[in-house]
C-alpha atoms as a PDB file:
ATOM      1  CA  MET A   1      -0.047  -0.231  -0.095  1.00  0.00           C
ATOM      2  CA  LYS A   2       0.877   3.557  -0.401  1.00  0.00           C
ATOM      3  CA  TYR A   3       1.132   6.251   2.230  1.00  0.00           C
ATOM      4  CA  ILE A   4       1.705  10.116   1.987  1.00  0.00           C
ATOM      5  CA  CYS A   5       3.021  12.352   4.729  1.00  0.00           C
ATOM      6  CA  ILE A   6      -0.001  14.941   5.396  1.00  0.00           C
ATOM      7  CA  ASN A   7       2.813  17.853   6.160  1.00  0.00           C
ATOM      8  CA  CYS A   8       4.970  17.468   3.044  1.00  0.00           C
ATOM      9  CA  ASN A   9       3.398  14.813   0.440  1.00  0.00           C
ATOM     10  CA  TYR A  10       6.397  12.469   0.921  1.00  0.00           C
ATOM     11  CA  LEU A  11       5.127   9.363  -0.720  1.00  0.00           C
ATOM     12  CA  TYR A  12       5.818   5.899   1.202  1.00  0.00           C
ATOM     13  CA  ASP A  13       5.352   2.826  -0.824  1.00  0.00           C
ATOM     14  CA  GLU A  14       5.411  -0.374   1.044  1.00  0.00           C
ATOM     15  CA  SER A  15       6.417  -2.317  -2.183  1.00  0.00           C
ATOM     16  CA  ILE A  16       9.673  -0.624  -2.653  1.00  0.00           C
ATOM     17  CA  TRP A  17      12.664  -0.357  -0.453  1.00  0.00           C
ATOM     18  CA  ASP A  18      13.107   2.930   1.203  1.00  0.00           C
ATOM     19  CA  GLU A  19      16.951   3.521   0.856  1.00  0.00           C
ATOM     20  CA  SER A  20      16.931   6.988   2.949  1.00  0.00           C
ATOM     21  CA  GLU A  21      15.253   5.475   6.061  1.00  0.00           C
ATOM     22  CA  TRP A  22      16.635   2.007   5.509  1.00  0.00           C
ATOM     23  CA  ILE A  23      13.304   0.320   5.421  1.00  0.00           C
ATOM     24  CA  LEU A  24      13.300  -2.968   3.716  1.00  0.00           C
ATOM     25  CA  ILE A  25      10.752  -3.898   1.075  1.00  0.00           C
ATOM     26  CA  TRP A  26       7.193  -4.956   2.364  1.00  0.00           C
ATOM     27  CA  THR A  27       7.601  -3.360   5.700  1.00  0.00           C
ATOM     28  CA  THR A  28       4.188  -2.403   6.500  1.00  0.00           C
ATOM     29  CA  ILE A  29       3.415   1.027   8.096  1.00  0.00           C
ATOM     30  CA  ASP A  30       1.490  -0.692  10.879  1.00  0.00           C
ATOM     31  CA  SER A  31       4.696  -2.552  11.754  1.00  0.00           C
ATOM     32  CA  MET A  32       6.798   0.382  12.082  1.00  0.00           C
ATOM     33  CA  SER A  33       7.330   2.003  15.481  1.00  0.00           C
ATOM     34  CA  ASN A  34       5.483   5.178  15.989  1.00  0.00           C
ATOM     35  CA  ASN A  35       8.787   7.144  16.865  1.00  0.00           C
ATOM     36  CA  LEU A  36       9.718   6.727  13.340  1.00  0.00           C
ATOM     37  CA  SER A  37       9.647  10.060  11.377  1.00  0.00           C
ATOM     38  CA  CYS A  38       9.186  11.397   7.663  1.00  0.00           C
ATOM     39  CA  PRO A  39      12.492  11.673   6.065  1.00  0.00           C
ATOM     40  CA  SER A  40      11.498  14.868   4.417  1.00  0.00           C
ATOM     41  CA  CYS A  41       9.850  16.742   7.052  1.00  0.00           C
ATOM     42  CA  TRP A  42      10.439  14.749  10.079  1.00  0.00           C
ATOM     43  CA  TRP A  43       6.829  14.356  11.158  1.00  0.00           C
ATOM     44  CA  TYR A  44       6.019  11.162  13.047  1.00  0.00           C
ATOM     45  CA  ILE A  45       4.787   8.337  10.616  1.00  0.00           C
ATOM     46  CA  GLU A  46       1.242   8.575  12.373  1.00  0.00           C
ATOM     47  CA  ASN A  47       0.543  11.262  10.514  1.00  0.00           C
ATOM     48  CA  PHE A  48       0.686   9.538   7.130  1.00  0.00           C
ATOM     49  CA  GLN A  49      -2.440   8.760   5.351  1.00  0.00           C
ATOM     50  CA  GLN A  50      -3.157   5.835   3.076  1.00  0.00           C
ATOM     51  CA  ILE A  51      -3.776   6.626  -0.681  1.00  0.00           C
ATOM     52  CA  LYS A  52      -6.655   4.554  -1.833  1.00  0.00           C
ATOM     53  CA  GLU A  53      -5.761   2.865  -5.238  1.00  0.00           C
ATOM     54  CA  GLU A  54      -8.159   3.081  -8.164  1.00  0.00           C
ATOM     55  CA  ILE A  55      -8.958  -0.253  -9.616  1.00  0.00           C
ATOM     56  CA  LEU A  56      -8.562  -0.677 -13.446  1.00  0.00           C
ATOM     57  CA  TYR A  57     -10.681  -3.458 -15.189  1.00  0.00           C
ATOM     58  CA  LEU A  58     -10.368  -4.556 -18.822  1.00  0.00           C
ATOM     59  CA  ASP A  59     -12.377  -2.153 -21.183  1.00  0.00           C
ATOM     60  CA  ASN A  60     -13.092  -4.401 -24.124  1.00  0.00           C
ATOM     61  CA  LYS A  61     -12.094  -7.996 -24.045  1.00  0.00           C
ATOM     62  CA  ASN A  62     -12.043  -7.898 -27.893  1.00  0.00           C
ATOM     63  CA  ALA A  63      -9.601  -5.101 -28.354  1.00  0.00           C
ATOM     64  CA  ILE A  64      -6.832  -5.271 -25.286  1.00  0.00           C
ATOM     65  CA  SER A  65      -4.414  -2.503 -25.229  1.00  0.00           C
ATOM     66  CA  ASN A  66      -0.793  -2.979 -24.675  1.00  0.00           C
ATOM     67  CA  LEU A  67      -0.820  -1.460 -21.201  1.00  0.00           C
ATOM     68  CA  GLU A  68      -3.954  -3.634 -20.387  1.00  0.00           C
ATOM     69  CA  SER A  69      -2.335  -6.879 -21.689  1.00  0.00           C
ATOM     70  CA  LEU A  70       0.909  -6.319 -19.499  1.00  0.00           C
ATOM     71  CA  HIS A  71      -1.419  -6.113 -16.291  1.00  0.00           C
ATOM     72  CA  ILE A  72      -4.695  -7.546 -16.433  1.00  0.00           C
ATOM     73  CA  PRO A  73      -4.529 -11.119 -14.651  1.00  0.00           C
ATOM     74  CA  LYS A  74      -4.707 -14.217 -16.466  1.00  0.00           C
ATOM     75  CA  ILE A  75      -6.189 -17.234 -14.419  1.00  0.00           C
ATOM     76  CA  ALA A  76      -5.637 -20.837 -15.269  1.00  0.00           C
ATOM     77  CA  PHE A  77      -7.835 -23.356 -13.460  1.00  0.00           C
ATOM     78  CA  LEU A  78      -6.010 -26.297 -11.945  1.00  0.00           C
ATOM     79  CA  TRP A  79      -6.989 -29.449 -10.359  1.00  0.00           C
ATOM     80  CA  ASN A  80      -7.807 -29.813  -6.844  1.00  0.00           C
ATOM     81  CA  ASN A  81      -9.659 -26.375  -6.571  1.00  0.00           C
ATOM     82  CA  LYS A  82      -6.317 -24.347  -7.437  1.00  0.00           C
ATOM     83  CA  ILE A  83      -5.951 -21.730  -9.858  1.00  0.00           C
ATOM     84  CA  MET A  84      -2.671 -20.001 -11.180  1.00  0.00           C
ATOM     85  CA  VAL A  85      -2.495 -16.538 -11.897  1.00  0.00           C
ATOM     86  CA  SER A  86      -0.092 -14.649 -13.825  1.00  0.00           C
ATOM     87  CA  VAL A  87      -0.316 -11.582 -16.328  1.00  0.00           C
ATOM     88  CA  TRP A  88      -2.144 -11.660 -19.705  1.00  0.00           C
ATOM     89  CA  ASN A  89       0.968 -11.184 -21.348  1.00  0.00           C
ATOM     90  CA  ILE A  90       3.943 -12.661 -19.724  1.00  0.00           C
ATOM     91  CA  LYS A  91       6.340 -10.013 -20.914  1.00  0.00           C
ATOM     92  CA  HIS A  92       5.600  -7.582 -17.940  1.00  0.00           C
ATOM     93  CA  PRO A  93       9.041  -6.319 -16.863  1.00  0.00           C
ATOM     94  CA  MET A  94      10.159  -7.656 -13.339  1.00  0.00           C
ATOM     95  CA  GLU A  95      13.066  -4.990 -12.771  1.00  0.00           C
ATOM     96  CA  GLN A  96      13.886  -3.315  -9.960  1.00  0.00           C
ATOM     97  CA  GLU A  97      12.045   0.003 -11.168  1.00  0.00           C
ATOM     98  CA  HIS A  98       9.276  -1.835 -12.470  1.00  0.00           C
ATOM     99  CA  PHE A  99       7.496  -4.964 -11.504  1.00  0.00           C
ATOM    100  CA  ILE A 100       4.261  -6.482 -10.211  1.00  0.00           C
ATOM    101  CA  SER A 101       4.638  -5.969  -6.434  1.00  0.00           C
ATOM    102  CA  SER A 102       1.638  -8.184  -5.249  1.00  0.00           C
ATOM    103  CA  ILE A 103      -0.939 -10.645  -6.546  1.00  0.00           C
ATOM    104  CA  MET A 104      -4.332 -10.676  -4.381  1.00  0.00           C
ATOM    105  CA  LEU A 105      -7.282 -12.985  -4.144  1.00  0.00           C
ATOM    106  CA  PHE A 106     -10.700 -11.528  -3.254  1.00  0.00           C
ATOM    107  CA  ASP A 107     -14.004 -13.363  -2.461  1.00  0.00           C
ATOM    108  CA  GLU A 108     -17.462 -12.059  -3.683  1.00  0.00           C
ATOM    109  CA  TYR A 109     -17.819  -9.681  -0.982  1.00  0.00           C
ATOM    110  CA  SER A 110     -14.401  -7.742  -1.840  1.00  0.00           C
ATOM    111  CA  ASP A 111     -12.740  -9.330   1.278  1.00  0.00           C
ATOM    112  CA  LEU A 112      -9.024  -9.848   0.865  1.00  0.00           C
ATOM    113  CA  ILE A 113      -8.599 -13.693   1.302  1.00  0.00           C
ATOM    114  CA  GLU A 114      -5.047 -13.905   0.337  1.00  0.00           C
ATOM    115  CA  GLU A 115      -2.176 -11.501  -0.844  1.00  0.00           C
ATOM    116  CA  ARG A 116       1.217 -12.795  -2.387  1.00  0.00           C
ATOM    117  CA  PHE A 117       4.142 -10.420  -2.329  1.00  0.00           C
ATOM    118  CA  LEU A 118       6.545 -10.504  -5.057  1.00  0.00           C
ATOM    119  CA  THR A 119       9.908  -8.954  -5.390  1.00  0.00           C
ATOM    120  CA  TYR A 120      11.215  -7.750  -8.943  1.00  0.00           C
ATOM    121  CA  ASN A 121      13.422 -11.062  -9.559  1.00  0.00           C
ATOM    122  CA  GLU A 122      10.732 -13.294  -8.853  1.00  0.00           C
ATOM    123  CA  LYS A 123       8.115 -15.259 -11.440  1.00  0.00           C
ATOM    124  CA  LEU A 124       4.918 -13.942 -12.412  1.00  0.00           C
ATOM    125  CA  LYS A 125       2.942 -17.069 -11.462  1.00  0.00           C
ATOM    126  CA  VAL A 126       1.079 -17.450  -8.092  1.00  0.00           C
ATOM    127  CA  ASN A 127      -1.103 -20.212  -6.874  1.00  0.00           C
ATOM    128  CA  PHE A 128      -4.245 -19.791  -4.866  1.00  0.00           C
ATOM    129  CA  ASN A 129      -6.748 -22.247  -3.336  1.00  0.00           C
ATOM    130  CA  ILE A 130     -10.385 -21.280  -4.394  1.00  0.00           C
ATOM    131  CA  GLU A 131     -12.302 -24.222  -2.558  1.00  0.00           C
ATOM    132  CA  ASP A 132     -15.810 -22.823  -1.390  1.00  0.00           C
ATOM    133  CA  ILE A 133     -15.635 -19.841  -3.649  1.00  0.00           C
ATOM    134  CA  ASP A 134     -17.630 -19.609  -6.600  1.00  0.00           C
ATOM    135  CA  GLU A 135     -17.127 -15.838  -7.454  1.00  0.00           C
ATOM    136  CA  PHE A 136     -13.853 -14.120  -6.846  1.00  0.00           C
ATOM    137  CA  GLU A 137     -11.602 -11.367  -7.946  1.00  0.00           C
ATOM    138  CA  ILE A 138      -7.857 -11.215  -8.776  1.00  0.00           C
ATOM    139  CA  ARG A 139      -6.023  -8.054  -8.492  1.00  0.00           C
ATOM    140  CA  ILE A 140      -2.658  -7.367  -9.702  1.00  0.00           C
ATOM    141  CA  ARG A 141      -0.740  -4.333  -8.311  1.00  0.00           C
ATOM    142  CA  CYS A 142       1.862  -3.019 -10.553  1.00  0.00           C
ATOM    143  CA  ASN A 143       4.497  -0.647  -8.757  1.00  0.00           C
ATOM    144  CA  LEU A 144       4.248   1.849 -11.738  1.00  0.00           C
ATOM    145  CA  HIS A 145       0.848   1.305 -13.391  1.00  0.00           C
ATOM    146  CA  TRP A 146      -1.778   1.102 -10.482  1.00  0.00           C
ATOM    147  CA  LEU A 147      -3.942  -1.755  -9.656  1.00  0.00           C
ATOM    148  CA  TRP A 148      -5.549  -4.027 -12.280  1.00  0.00           C
ATOM    149  CA  SER A 149      -8.464  -6.631 -11.794  1.00  0.00           C
ATOM    150  CA  THR A 150     -10.392  -9.482 -13.180  1.00  0.00           C
ATOM    151  CA  TRP A 151     -13.544 -10.861 -11.828  1.00  0.00           C
ATOM    152  CA  ILE A 152     -14.454 -14.598 -12.126  1.00  0.00           C
ATOM    153  CA  ILE A 153     -18.006 -16.197 -11.574  1.00  0.00           C
ATOM    154  CA  ASN A 154     -18.595 -19.820 -11.802  1.00  0.00           C
ATOM    155  CA  ASN A 155     -15.185 -20.082 -13.752  1.00  0.00           C
ATOM    156  CA  ASN A 156     -16.114 -17.429 -16.142  1.00  0.00           C
ATOM    157  CA  TYR A 157     -14.263 -14.258 -16.758  1.00  0.00           C
ATOM    158  CA  LEU A 158     -16.491 -11.005 -16.488  1.00  0.00           C
END
């Protein structure tokens, strides 16, 4: 998730290593000490606000843009109530500056069931167990290009 300092607009992204503060990648803001301060203005971390991300959906299944093809989740149904999630076009960069930072499984109530965090040097394939879930949503977060989603109802893409 991303947070902003309400005093100076410093942006903290949990999916990126913050070299200035030596905060490791995937360090959640909740796990930080409240006496940690903003590297820019020195206000306490408790003054950071979460930035709500817009979720992007595929506009037209018959005309997928290059940006969409690099970010829309692709789901393969496996045996034993499992799915394998990747991106539609497996050519998405997985470099330090540009990578898929997480893949998430949500149920039909938009409750987060599971989130898998990725680093820039990992493969773009994640398996989830979907036992007892008829409708679900997969979201993919790119560190540069927002949050992308695909809904599945009864094993059919929406």
